[in-house]
Amino acid sequence: MTKKQYLCNRIYIIIYNMDSKHLNRIKVVLAEKDKSNKWLAEQLGKDQATISKWVTNTTQPNLEMLLLIAKVLEVNVNELVRPLE
């Protein structure tokens, strides 16, 4: 199993086992990095509305996109998902 597959599987398990609200911490990490939704949208080549849905936890990015977001924000992907309680 590659590192990417391992991370994808781990993230999937974490997200699958959580309730449907506030699954990701993208908004928090953007604030910590002093970055905007618009900036993230430009970096990812995505529409700002899509980023807004992710930031508000209305919808979730897929696992590959979550890995890309982590790379763009220069954080470990674990920082983007809410820890198990």
Protein backbone atom coordinates (compact mmCIF):
# COMPACT_ATOMS: atom_id res chain seq x y z
CA MET A 1 0.00 0.00 0.00
CA THR A 2 1.42 3.37 -0.96
CA LYS A 3 1.55 6.29 1.43
CA LYS A 4 -1.17 8.05 -0.55
CA GLN A 5 -3.45 5.00 -0.39
CA TYR A 6 -2.79 4.67 3.34
CA LEU A 7 -3.68 8.32 3.96
CA CYS A 8 -6.80 8.10 1.79
CA ASN A 9 -7.96 5.00 3.66
CA ARG A 10 -7.26 6.59 7.04
CA ILE A 11 -9.11 9.79 6.15
CA TYR A 12 -12.03 7.84 4.75
CA ILE A 13 -12.34 5.87 7.99
CA ILE A 14 -12.19 9.05 10.08
CA ILE A 15 -14.80 10.84 7.97
CA TYR A 16 -17.05 7.80 7.67
CA ASN A 17 -17.15 7.34 11.43
CA MET A 18 -18.06 10.94 12.23
CA ASP A 19 -21.43 12.57 12.24
CA SER A 20 -22.34 14.72 9.25
CA LYS A 21 -21.54 18.13 10.75
CA HIS A 22 -18.18 19.87 10.84
CA LEU A 23 -16.22 17.05 9.29
CA ASN A 24 -13.39 19.19 8.07
CA ARG A 25 -11.31 22.03 9.52
CA ILE A 26 -10.57 23.81 6.24
CA LYS A 27 -12.05 27.07 7.54
CA VAL A 28 -9.91 26.92 10.68
CA VAL A 29 -6.72 26.15 8.79
CA LEU A 30 -7.39 28.92 6.25
CA ALA A 31 -7.77 31.37 9.13
CA GLU A 32 -4.60 30.11 10.80
CA LYS A 33 -2.72 30.57 7.52
CA ASP A 34 -4.35 33.98 6.92
CA LYS A 35 -5.69 32.76 3.56
CA SER A 36 -9.08 33.35 1.96
CA ASN A 37 -11.58 31.12 0.23
CA LYS A 38 -10.80 33.03 -2.97
CA TRP A 39 -7.09 32.28 -2.61
CA LEU A 40 -7.77 28.56 -2.10
CA ALA A 41 -10.13 28.50 -5.08
CA GLU A 42 -7.43 30.04 -7.27
CA GLN A 43 -4.79 27.58 -6.05
CA LEU A 44 -7.04 24.59 -6.73
CA GLY A 45 -8.66 25.85 -9.92
CA LYS A 46 -12.08 25.51 -8.31
CA ASP A 47 -15.08 27.80 -8.14
CA GLN A 48 -15.37 29.93 -5.00
CA ALA A 49 -18.85 28.49 -4.40
CA THR A 50 -17.34 25.00 -4.16
CA ILE A 51 -14.76 26.19 -1.63
CA SER A 52 -17.49 27.91 0.34
CA LYS A 53 -19.45 24.66 0.57
CA TRP A 54 -16.38 22.85 1.85
CA VAL A 55 -15.52 25.58 4.36
CA THR A 56 -19.05 25.59 5.76
CA ASN A 57 -19.18 21.78 5.76
CA THR A 58 -22.21 21.82 3.48
CA THR A 59 -20.37 19.33 1.28
CA GLN A 60 -17.01 17.62 1.60
CA PRO A 61 -14.09 17.45 -0.80
CA ASN A 62 -13.16 13.99 -1.98
CA LEU A 63 -10.08 12.38 -0.49
CA GLU A 64 -7.77 13.25 -3.37
CA MET A 65 -8.87 16.89 -3.17
CA LEU A 66 -8.36 16.88 0.59
CA LEU A 67 -4.79 15.72 0.02
CA LEU A 68 -4.28 18.50 -2.53
CA ILE A 69 -5.73 21.09 -0.12
CA ALA A 70 -3.28 19.92 2.54
CA LYS A 71 -0.41 20.27 0.08
CA VAL A 72 -1.48 23.77 -0.99
CA LEU A 73 -1.89 24.88 2.63
CA GLU A 74 1.38 23.19 3.59
CA VAL A 75 -0.17 21.19 6.41
CA ASN A 76 -0.51 17.53 7.25
CA VAL A 77 -3.82 16.22 5.97
CA ASN A 78 -4.69 15.22 9.57
CA GLU A 79 -4.98 18.92 10.38
CA LEU A 80 -7.85 19.23 7.92
CA VAL A 81 -10.13 16.66 9.48
CA ARG A 82 -11.82 16.81 12.83
CA PRO A 83 -10.31 14.32 15.27
CA LEU A 84 -12.40 11.46 16.58
CA GLU A 85 -14.00 12.24 19.88
